[in-house]
């Protein structure tokens, strides 16, 4: 709540120059990436979003099979395409 309130304040009353870095997680496009992008498009549409596919399973990731791999090209592209559909200004980060 505090983060979303502060982002909205910066967007509405500040310079409006916000960059949000979004890390695409494996198996989390529908439950996480899309709702986050929906929020951005609705509440802070002037910000830039860095869509990052750099997630690497480290440390205890092997204990969680759903995140024990890198995101696929298909998952990353699905997030980018969704951002485009929402008219979000995004910059891919490898």
PDB file of N, CA and C in Angstrom:
ATOM      1  N   UNK A   1       0.810  -1.193   0.000  1.00  0.00           N
ATOM      2  CA  UNK A   1       0.000   0.000   0.000  1.00  0.00           C
ATOM      3  C   UNK A   1       0.855   1.260   0.000  1.00  0.00           C
ATOM      4  N   UNK A   2       1.896   1.255   0.804  1.00  0.00           N
ATOM      5  CA  UNK A   2       2.759   2.431   0.879  1.00  0.00           C
ATOM      6  C   UNK A   2       3.484   2.636  -0.443  1.00  0.00           C
ATOM      7  N   UNK A   3       3.995   1.562  -1.016  1.00  0.00           N
ATOM      8  CA  UNK A   3       4.703   1.678  -2.290  1.00  0.00           C
ATOM      9  C   UNK A   3       3.779   2.192  -3.382  1.00  0.00           C
ATOM     10  N   UNK A   4       2.593   1.616  -3.497  1.00  0.00           N
ATOM     11  CA  UNK A   4       1.679   2.058  -4.557  1.00  0.00           C
ATOM     12  C   UNK A   4       1.261   3.509  -4.333  1.00  0.00           C
ATOM     13  N   UNK A   5       1.036   3.898  -3.084  1.00  0.00           N
ATOM     14  CA  UNK A   5       0.697   5.296  -2.788  1.00  0.00           C
ATOM     15  C   UNK A   5       1.831   6.227  -3.206  1.00  0.00           C
ATOM     16  N   UNK A   6       3.063   5.872  -2.864  1.00  0.00           N
ATOM     17  CA  UNK A   6       4.202   6.725  -3.187  1.00  0.00           C
ATOM     18  C   UNK A   6       4.456   6.799  -4.685  1.00  0.00           C
ATOM     19  N   UNK A   7       4.321   5.678  -5.383  1.00  0.00           N
ATOM     20  CA  UNK A   7       4.485   5.705  -6.841  1.00  0.00           C
ATOM     21  C   UNK A   7       3.450   6.621  -7.478  1.00  0.00           C
ATOM     22  N   UNK A   8       2.226   6.536  -7.013  1.00  0.00           N
ATOM     23  CA  UNK A   8       1.156   7.380  -7.556  1.00  0.00           C
ATOM     24  C   UNK A   8       1.438   8.850  -7.276  1.00  0.00           C
ATOM     25  N   UNK A   9       1.919   9.169  -6.079  1.00  0.00           N
ATOM     26  CA  UNK A   9       2.246  10.565  -5.746  1.00  0.00           C
ATOM     27  C   UNK A   9       3.364  11.095  -6.638  1.00  0.00           C
ATOM     28  N   UNK A  10       4.401  10.311  -6.819  1.00  0.00           N
ATOM     29  CA  UNK A  10       5.505  10.737  -7.687  1.00  0.00           C
ATOM     30  C   UNK A  10       4.993  10.943  -9.104  1.00  0.00           C
ATOM     31  N   UNK A  11       4.184  10.013  -9.568  1.00  0.00           N
ATOM     32  CA  UNK A  11       3.631  10.089 -10.919  1.00  0.00           C
ATOM     33  C   UNK A  11       2.758  11.328 -11.083  1.00  0.00           C
ATOM     34  N   UNK A  12       1.870  11.581 -10.128  1.00  0.00           N
ATOM     35  CA  UNK A  12       0.893  12.661 -10.253  1.00  0.00           C
ATOM     36  C   UNK A  12       1.457  14.039  -9.930  1.00  0.00           C
ATOM     37  N   UNK A  13       2.340  14.121  -8.938  1.00  0.00           N
ATOM     38  CA  UNK A  13       2.784  15.429  -8.468  1.00  0.00           C
ATOM     39  C   UNK A  13       4.272  15.694  -8.676  1.00  0.00           C
ATOM     40  N   UNK A  14       5.018  14.676  -8.993  1.00  0.00           N
ATOM     41  CA  UNK A  14       6.448  14.844  -9.181  1.00  0.00           C
ATOM     42  C   UNK A  14       6.777  15.101 -10.636  1.00  0.00           C
ATOM     43  N   UNK A  15       7.975  14.775 -10.993  1.00  0.00           N
ATOM     44  CA  UNK A  15       8.412  14.979 -12.375  1.00  0.00           C
ATOM     45  C   UNK A  15       7.753  13.983 -13.307  1.00  0.00           C
ATOM     46  N   UNK A  16       7.212  12.902 -12.754  1.00  0.00           N
ATOM     47  CA  UNK A  16       6.607  11.869 -13.586  1.00  0.00           C
ATOM     48  C   UNK A  16       7.622  10.919 -14.169  1.00  0.00           C
ATOM     49  N   UNK A  17       8.890  11.164 -13.899  1.00  0.00           N
ATOM     50  CA  UNK A  17       9.945  10.329 -14.463  1.00  0.00           C
ATOM     51  C   UNK A  17      10.213   9.146 -13.544  1.00  0.00           C
ATOM     52  N   UNK A  18       9.492   8.075 -13.788  1.00  0.00           N
ATOM     53  CA  UNK A  18       9.630   6.868 -12.981  1.00  0.00           C
ATOM     54  C   UNK A  18      10.037   5.729 -13.900  1.00  0.00           C
ATOM     55  N   UNK A  19      11.002   4.949 -13.454  1.00  0.00           N
ATOM     56  CA  UNK A  19      11.363   3.719 -14.152  1.00  0.00           C
ATOM     57  C   UNK A  19      11.113   2.574 -13.175  1.00  0.00           C
ATOM     58  N   UNK A  20      10.290   1.641 -13.608  1.00  0.00           N
ATOM     59  CA  UNK A  20      10.010   0.456 -12.796  1.00  0.00           C
ATOM     60  C   UNK A  20      10.708  -0.722 -13.442  1.00  0.00           C
ATOM     61  N   UNK A  21      11.463  -1.445 -12.665  1.00  0.00           N
ATOM     62  CA  UNK A  21      12.148  -2.634 -13.171  1.00  0.00           C
ATOM     63  C   UNK A  21      11.324  -3.853 -12.790  1.00  0.00           C
ATOM     64  N   UNK A  22      10.909  -4.600 -13.800  1.00  0.00           N
ATOM     65  CA  UNK A  22      10.079  -5.786 -13.558  1.00  0.00           C
ATOM     66  C   UNK A  22      10.840  -7.033 -13.995  1.00  0.00           C
ATOM     67  N   UNK A  23      11.095  -7.912 -13.054  1.00  0.00           N
ATOM     68  CA  UNK A  23      11.797  -9.159 -13.318  1.00  0.00           C
ATOM     69  C   UNK A  23      10.780 -10.246 -13.644  1.00  0.00           C
ATOM     70  N   UNK A  24      10.849 -10.774 -14.853  1.00  0.00           N
ATOM     71  CA  UNK A  24       9.948 -11.850 -15.270  1.00  0.00           C
ATOM     72  C   UNK A  24      10.403 -13.136 -14.593  1.00  0.00           C
ATOM     73  N   UNK A  25       9.478 -13.745 -13.866  1.00  0.00           N
ATOM     74  CA  UNK A  25       9.764 -14.989 -13.156  1.00  0.00           C
ATOM     75  C   UNK A  25       9.141 -16.156 -13.908  1.00  0.00           C
ATOM     76  N   UNK A  26       9.799 -17.314 -13.914  1.00  0.00           N
ATOM     77  CA  UNK A  26       9.208 -18.478 -14.579  1.00  0.00           C
ATOM     78  C   UNK A  26       7.891 -18.868 -13.911  1.00  0.00           C
ATOM     79  N   UNK A  27       6.923 -19.212 -14.742  1.00  0.00           N
ATOM     80  CA  UNK A  27       5.595 -19.642 -14.275  1.00  0.00           C
ATOM     81  C   UNK A  27       4.815 -18.566 -13.527  1.00  0.00           C
ATOM     82  N   UNK A  28       5.171 -17.312 -13.701  1.00  0.00           N
ATOM     83  CA  UNK A  28       4.491 -16.238 -12.974  1.00  0.00           C
ATOM     84  C   UNK A  28       3.988 -15.123 -13.890  1.00  0.00           C
ATOM     85  N   UNK A  29       3.753 -15.426 -15.150  1.00  0.00           N
ATOM     86  CA  UNK A  29       3.270 -14.399 -16.078  1.00  0.00           C
ATOM     87  C   UNK A  29       1.832 -14.017 -15.748  1.00  0.00           C
ATOM     88  N   UNK A  30       0.959 -15.006 -15.648  1.00  0.00           N
ATOM     89  CA  UNK A  30      -0.472 -14.732 -15.435  1.00  0.00           C
ATOM     90  C   UNK A  30      -0.757 -14.188 -14.036  1.00  0.00           C
ATOM     91  N   UNK A  31      -0.115 -14.756 -13.037  1.00  0.00           N
ATOM     92  CA  UNK A  31      -0.443 -14.393 -11.651  1.00  0.00           C
ATOM     93  C   UNK A  31       0.262 -13.131 -11.176  1.00  0.00           C
ATOM     94  N   UNK A  32       1.383 -12.795 -11.800  1.00  0.00           N
ATOM     95  CA  UNK A  32       2.179 -11.680 -11.279  1.00  0.00           C
ATOM     96  C   UNK A  32       2.451 -10.595 -12.318  1.00  0.00           C
ATOM     97  N   UNK A  33       3.072 -10.959 -13.432  1.00  0.00           N
ATOM     98  CA  UNK A  33       3.465  -9.946 -14.420  1.00  0.00           C
ATOM     99  C   UNK A  33       2.269  -9.187 -14.976  1.00  0.00           C
ATOM    100  N   UNK A  34       1.244  -9.902 -15.400  1.00  0.00           N
ATOM    101  CA  UNK A  34       0.093  -9.223 -16.008  1.00  0.00           C
ATOM    102  C   UNK A  34      -0.645  -8.318 -15.017  1.00  0.00           C
ATOM    103  N   UNK A  35      -0.923  -8.758 -13.787  1.00  0.00           N
ATOM    104  CA  UNK A  35      -1.560  -7.834 -12.842  1.00  0.00           C
ATOM    105  C   UNK A  35      -0.702  -6.601 -12.526  1.00  0.00           C
ATOM    106  N   UNK A  36       0.605  -6.780 -12.467  1.00  0.00           N
ATOM    107  CA  UNK A  36       1.491  -5.637 -12.218  1.00  0.00           C
ATOM    108  C   UNK A  36       1.406  -4.660 -13.381  1.00  0.00           C
ATOM    109  N   UNK A  37       1.456  -5.166 -14.608  1.00  0.00           N
ATOM    110  CA  UNK A  37       1.359  -4.293 -15.777  1.00  0.00           C
ATOM    111  C   UNK A  37      -0.013  -3.636 -15.868  1.00  0.00           C
ATOM    112  N   UNK A  38      -1.063  -4.352 -15.494  1.00  0.00           N
ATOM    113  CA  UNK A  38      -2.405  -3.751 -15.452  1.00  0.00           C
ATOM    114  C   UNK A  38      -2.426  -2.560 -14.494  1.00  0.00           C
ATOM    115  N   UNK A  39      -1.831  -2.743 -13.325  1.00  0.00           N
ATOM    116  CA  UNK A  39      -1.769  -1.664 -12.338  1.00  0.00           C
ATOM    117  C   UNK A  39      -1.013  -0.463 -12.904  1.00  0.00           C
ATOM    118  N   UNK A  40       0.133  -0.725 -13.515  1.00  0.00           N
ATOM    119  CA  UNK A  40       0.939   0.361 -14.069  1.00  0.00           C
ATOM    120  C   UNK A  40       0.153   1.116 -15.137  1.00  0.00           C
ATOM    121  N   UNK A  41      -0.477   0.395 -16.050  1.00  0.00           N
ATOM    122  CA  UNK A  41      -1.238   1.033 -17.129  1.00  0.00           C
ATOM    123  C   UNK A  41      -2.388   1.871 -16.575  1.00  0.00           C
ATOM    124  N   UNK A  42      -3.004   1.410 -15.527  1.00  0.00           N
ATOM    125  CA  UNK A  42      -4.172   2.085 -14.952  1.00  0.00           C
ATOM    126  C   UNK A  42      -3.774   3.269 -14.061  1.00  0.00           C
ATOM    127  N   UNK A  43      -2.745   3.094 -13.236  1.00  0.00           N
ATOM    128  CA  UNK A  43      -2.446   4.080 -12.196  1.00  0.00           C
ATOM    129  C   UNK A  43      -1.272   5.011 -12.494  1.00  0.00           C
ATOM    130  N   UNK A  44      -0.262   4.515 -13.196  1.00  0.00           N
ATOM    131  CA  UNK A  44       0.937   5.335 -13.447  1.00  0.00           C
ATOM    132  C   UNK A  44       1.396   5.145 -14.898  1.00  0.00           C
ATOM    133  N   UNK A  45       0.536   5.501 -15.853  1.00  0.00           N
ATOM    134  CA  UNK A  45       0.786   5.170 -17.257  1.00  0.00           C
ATOM    135  C   UNK A  45       1.971   5.881 -17.907  1.00  0.00           C
ATOM    136  N   UNK A  46       2.479   6.955 -17.297  1.00  0.00           N
ATOM    137  CA  UNK A  46       3.585   7.681 -17.924  1.00  0.00           C
ATOM    138  C   UNK A  46       4.962   7.115 -17.576  1.00  0.00           C
ATOM    139  N   UNK A  47       5.008   6.128 -16.711  1.00  0.00           N
ATOM    140  CA  UNK A  47       6.320   5.609 -16.317  1.00  0.00           C
ATOM    141  C   UNK A  47       6.873   4.658 -17.388  1.00  0.00           C
ATOM    142  N   UNK A  48       8.153   4.445 -17.314  1.00  0.00           N
ATOM    143  CA  UNK A  48       8.840   3.498 -18.194  1.00  0.00           C
ATOM    144  C   UNK A  48       9.043   2.212 -17.402  1.00  0.00           C
ATOM    145  N   UNK A  49       8.857   1.085 -18.061  1.00  0.00           N
ATOM    146  CA  UNK A  49       9.038  -0.206 -17.402  1.00  0.00           C
ATOM    147  C   UNK A  49      10.194  -0.945 -18.074  1.00  0.00           C
ATOM    148  N   UNK A  50      11.171  -1.340 -17.285  1.00  0.00           N
ATOM    149  CA  UNK A  50      12.221  -2.230 -17.774  1.00  0.00           C
ATOM    150  C   UNK A  50      11.734  -3.653 -17.552  1.00  0.00           C
ATOM    151  N   UNK A  51      11.541  -4.385 -18.637  1.00  0.00           N
ATOM    152  CA  UNK A  51      11.127  -5.783 -18.532  1.00  0.00           C
ATOM    153  C   UNK A  51      12.389  -6.627 -18.610  1.00  0.00           C
ATOM    154  N   UNK A  52      12.680  -7.311 -17.520  1.00  0.00           N
ATOM    155  CA  UNK A  52      13.947  -8.022 -17.401  1.00  0.00           C
ATOM    156  C   UNK A  52      13.733  -9.531 -17.378  1.00  0.00           C
ATOM    157  N   UNK A  53      14.532 -10.223 -18.141  1.00  0.00           N
ATOM    158  CA  UNK A  53      14.481 -11.680 -18.171  1.00  0.00           C
ATOM    159  C   UNK A  53      15.711 -12.299 -17.549  1.00  0.00           C
ATOM    160  N   UNK A  54      16.318 -11.611 -16.595  1.00  0.00           N
ATOM    161  CA  UNK A  54      17.606 -12.028 -16.041  1.00  0.00           C
ATOM    162  C   UNK A  54      17.520 -12.967 -14.847  1.00  0.00           C
ATOM    163  N   UNK A  55      16.323 -13.384 -14.476  1.00  0.00           N
ATOM    164  CA  UNK A  55      16.198 -14.255 -13.307  1.00  0.00           C
ATOM    165  C   UNK A  55      17.029 -15.519 -13.495  1.00  0.00           C
ATOM    166  N   UNK A  56      17.783 -15.857 -12.461  1.00  0.00           N
ATOM    167  CA  UNK A  56      18.556 -17.108 -12.438  1.00  0.00           C
ATOM    168  C   UNK A  56      18.237 -17.838 -11.152  1.00  0.00           C
ATOM    169  N   UNK A  57      17.907 -19.107 -11.256  1.00  0.00           N
ATOM    170  CA  UNK A  57      17.622 -19.857 -10.029  1.00  0.00           C
ATOM    171  C   UNK A  57      18.916 -20.094  -9.242  1.00  0.00           C
ATOM    172  N   UNK A  58      18.970 -19.566  -8.063  1.00  0.00           N
ATOM    173  CA  UNK A  58      20.147 -19.695  -7.207  1.00  0.00           C
ATOM    174  C   UNK A  58      19.715 -20.146  -5.813  1.00  0.00           C
ATOM    175  N   UNK A  59      20.667 -20.377  -4.989  1.00  0.00           N
ATOM    176  CA  UNK A  59      20.511 -20.699  -3.569  1.00  0.00           C
ATOM    177  C   UNK A  59      19.506 -21.826  -3.361  1.00  0.00           C
ATOM    178  N   UNK A  60      18.321 -21.552  -2.847  1.00  0.00           N
ATOM    179  CA  UNK A  60      17.362 -22.605  -2.524  1.00  0.00           C
ATOM    180  C   UNK A  60      16.281 -22.780  -3.591  1.00  0.00           C
ATOM    181  N   UNK A  61      16.490 -22.213  -4.757  1.00  0.00           N
ATOM    182  CA  UNK A  61      15.466 -22.312  -5.814  1.00  0.00           C
ATOM    183  C   UNK A  61      15.165 -23.762  -6.174  1.00  0.00           C
ATOM    184  N   UNK A  62      16.137 -24.643  -6.015  1.00  0.00           N
ATOM    185  CA  UNK A  62      15.912 -26.056  -6.349  1.00  0.00           C
ATOM    186  C   UNK A  62      14.821 -26.689  -5.485  1.00  0.00           C
ATOM    187  N   UNK A  63      14.507 -26.061  -4.363  1.00  0.00           N
ATOM    188  CA  UNK A  63      13.438 -26.562  -3.498  1.00  0.00           C
ATOM    189  C   UNK A  63      12.046 -26.134  -3.976  1.00  0.00           C
ATOM    190  N   UNK A  64      12.003 -25.273  -4.970  1.00  0.00           N
ATOM    191  CA  UNK A  64      10.738 -24.757  -5.511  1.00  0.00           C
ATOM    192  C   UNK A  64      10.732 -24.979  -7.019  1.00  0.00           C
ATOM    193  N   UNK A  65      10.221 -26.117  -7.472  1.00  0.00           N
ATOM    194  CA  UNK A  65      10.304 -26.487  -8.887  1.00  0.00           C
ATOM    195  C   UNK A  65       9.741 -25.437  -9.844  1.00  0.00           C
ATOM    196  N   UNK A  66       8.734 -24.688  -9.397  1.00  0.00           N
ATOM    197  CA  UNK A  66       8.116 -23.715 -10.299  1.00  0.00           C
ATOM    198  C   UNK A  66       9.034 -22.545 -10.643  1.00  0.00           C
ATOM    199  N   UNK A  67      10.065 -22.308  -9.841  1.00  0.00           N
ATOM    200  CA  UNK A  67      11.009 -21.226 -10.157  1.00  0.00           C
ATOM    201  C   UNK A  67      12.441 -21.736 -10.323  1.00  0.00           C
ATOM    202  N   UNK A  68      12.607 -23.023 -10.472  1.00  0.00           N
ATOM    203  CA  UNK A  68      13.943 -23.609 -10.586  1.00  0.00           C
ATOM    204  C   UNK A  68      14.400 -23.677 -12.039  1.00  0.00           C
ATOM    205  N   UNK A  69      14.184 -22.602 -12.759  1.00  0.00           N
ATOM    206  CA  UNK A  69      14.664 -22.468 -14.137  1.00  0.00           C
ATOM    207  C   UNK A  69      14.605 -20.997 -14.509  1.00  0.00           C
ATOM    208  N   UNK A  70      15.276 -20.677 -15.590  1.00  0.00           N
ATOM    209  CA  UNK A  70      15.192 -19.313 -16.108  1.00  0.00           C
ATOM    210  C   UNK A  70      13.859 -19.137 -16.826  1.00  0.00           C
ATOM    211  N   UNK A  71      13.356 -17.909 -16.954  1.00  0.00           N
ATOM    212  CA  UNK A  71      12.134 -17.717 -17.737  1.00  0.00           C
ATOM    213  C   UNK A  71      12.410 -18.024 -19.204  1.00  0.00           C
ATOM    214  N   UNK A  72      11.427 -18.586 -19.872  1.00  0.00           N
ATOM    215  CA  UNK A  72      11.592 -18.920 -21.287  1.00  0.00           C
ATOM    216  C   UNK A  72      11.455 -17.660 -22.135  1.00  0.00           C
ATOM    217  N   UNK A  73      11.953 -17.757 -23.357  1.00  0.00           N
ATOM    218  CA  UNK A  73      11.780 -16.662 -24.311  1.00  0.00           C
ATOM    219  C   UNK A  73      10.298 -16.391 -24.515  1.00  0.00           C
ATOM    220  N   UNK A  74       9.504 -17.438 -24.545  1.00  0.00           N
ATOM    221  CA  UNK A  74       8.057 -17.283 -24.717  1.00  0.00           C
ATOM    222  C   UNK A  74       7.446 -16.483 -23.557  1.00  0.00           C
ATOM    223  N   UNK A  75       7.858 -16.770 -22.336  1.00  0.00           N
ATOM    224  CA  UNK A  75       7.334 -16.032 -21.181  1.00  0.00           C
ATOM    225  C   UNK A  75       7.729 -14.558 -21.245  1.00  0.00           C
ATOM    226  N   UNK A  76       8.976 -14.304 -21.573  1.00  0.00           N
ATOM    227  CA  UNK A  76       9.453 -12.921 -21.659  1.00  0.00           C
ATOM    228  C   UNK A  76       8.709 -12.177 -22.765  1.00  0.00           C
ATOM    229  N   UNK A  77       8.564 -12.811 -23.923  1.00  0.00           N
ATOM    230  CA  UNK A  77       7.852 -12.173 -25.031  1.00  0.00           C
ATOM    231  C   UNK A  77       6.382 -11.951 -24.705  1.00  0.00           C
ATOM    232  N   UNK A  78       5.779 -12.868 -23.966  1.00  0.00           N
ATOM    233  CA  UNK A  78       4.380 -12.697 -23.574  1.00  0.00           C
ATOM    234  C   UNK A  78       4.214 -11.450 -22.704  1.00  0.00           C
ATOM    235  N   UNK A  79       5.154 -11.228 -21.801  1.00  0.00           N
ATOM    236  CA  UNK A  79       5.098 -10.037 -20.947  1.00  0.00           C
ATOM    237  C   UNK A  79       5.319  -8.778 -21.786  1.00  0.00           C
ATOM    238  N   UNK A  80       6.282  -8.800 -22.682  1.00  0.00           N
ATOM    239  CA  UNK A  80       6.525  -7.641 -23.555  1.00  0.00           C
ATOM    240  C   UNK A  80       5.301  -7.337 -24.410  1.00  0.00           C
ATOM    241  N   UNK A  81       4.715  -8.366 -25.001  1.00  0.00           N
ATOM    242  CA  UNK A  81       3.533  -8.167 -25.843  1.00  0.00           C
ATOM    243  C   UNK A  81       2.366  -7.615 -25.032  1.00  0.00           C
ATOM    244  N   UNK A  82       2.216  -8.095 -23.821  1.00  0.00           N
ATOM    245  CA  UNK A  82       1.142  -7.602 -22.963  1.00  0.00           C
ATOM    246  C   UNK A  82       1.357  -6.121 -22.638  1.00  0.00           C
ATOM    247  N   UNK A  83       2.605  -5.757 -22.353  1.00  0.00           N
ATOM    248  CA  UNK A  83       2.925  -4.345 -22.094  1.00  0.00           C
ATOM    249  C   UNK A  83       2.595  -3.497 -23.321  1.00  0.00           C
ATOM    250  N   UNK A  84       2.934  -3.985 -24.496  1.00  0.00           N
ATOM    251  CA  UNK A  84       2.604  -3.259 -25.729  1.00  0.00           C
ATOM    252  C   UNK A  84       1.096  -3.110 -25.885  1.00  0.00           C
ATOM    253  N   UNK A  85       0.356  -4.173 -25.622  1.00  0.00           N
ATOM    254  CA  UNK A  85      -1.108  -4.127 -25.732  1.00  0.00           C
ATOM    255  C   UNK A  85      -1.711  -3.087 -24.791  1.00  0.00           C
ATOM    256  N   UNK A  86      -1.063  -2.865 -23.663  1.00  0.00           N
ATOM    257  CA  UNK A  86      -1.536  -1.878 -22.686  1.00  0.00           C
ATOM    258  C   UNK A  86      -0.969  -0.485 -22.953  1.00  0.00           C
ATOM    259  N   UNK A  87      -0.200  -0.343 -24.040  1.00  0.00           N
ATOM    260  CA  UNK A  87       0.450   0.930 -24.396  1.00  0.00           C
ATOM    261  C   UNK A  87       1.421   1.412 -23.323  1.00  0.00           C
ATOM    262  N   UNK A  88       2.066   0.471 -22.675  1.00  0.00           N
ATOM    263  CA  UNK A  88       3.084   0.805 -21.683  1.00  0.00           C
ATOM    264  C   UNK A  88       4.403   0.999 -22.412  1.00  0.00           C
ATOM    265  N   UNK A  89       5.088   2.087 -22.076  1.00  0.00           N
ATOM    266  CA  UNK A  89       6.416   2.317 -22.625  1.00  0.00           C
ATOM    267  C   UNK A  89       7.372   1.400 -21.877  1.00  0.00           C
ATOM    268  N   UNK A  90       7.976   0.483 -22.592  1.00  0.00           N
ATOM    269  CA  UNK A  90       8.881  -0.439 -21.915  1.00  0.00           C
ATOM    270  C   UNK A  90      10.192  -0.522 -22.673  1.00  0.00           C
ATOM    271  N   UNK A  91      11.203  -0.922 -21.947  1.00  0.00           N
ATOM    272  CA  UNK A  91      12.514  -1.166 -22.532  1.00  0.00           C
ATOM    273  C   UNK A  91      12.948  -2.542 -22.069  1.00  0.00           C
ATOM    274  N   UNK A  92      13.216  -3.441 -23.024  1.00  0.00           N
ATOM    275  CA  UNK A  92      13.682  -4.763 -22.608  1.00  0.00           C
ATOM    276  C   UNK A  92      15.105  -4.691 -22.067  1.00  0.00           C
ATOM    277  N   UNK A  93      15.368  -5.490 -21.077  1.00  0.00           N
ATOM    278  CA  UNK A  93      16.702  -5.611 -20.506  1.00  0.00           C
ATOM    279  C   UNK A  93      17.033  -7.087 -20.516  1.00  0.00           C
ATOM    280  N   UNK A  94      18.147  -7.453 -21.133  1.00  0.00           N
ATOM    281  CA  UNK A  94      18.495  -8.872 -21.245  1.00  0.00           C
ATOM    282  C   UNK A  94      19.047  -9.405 -19.956  1.00  0.00           C
TER     283      UNK A  94
END
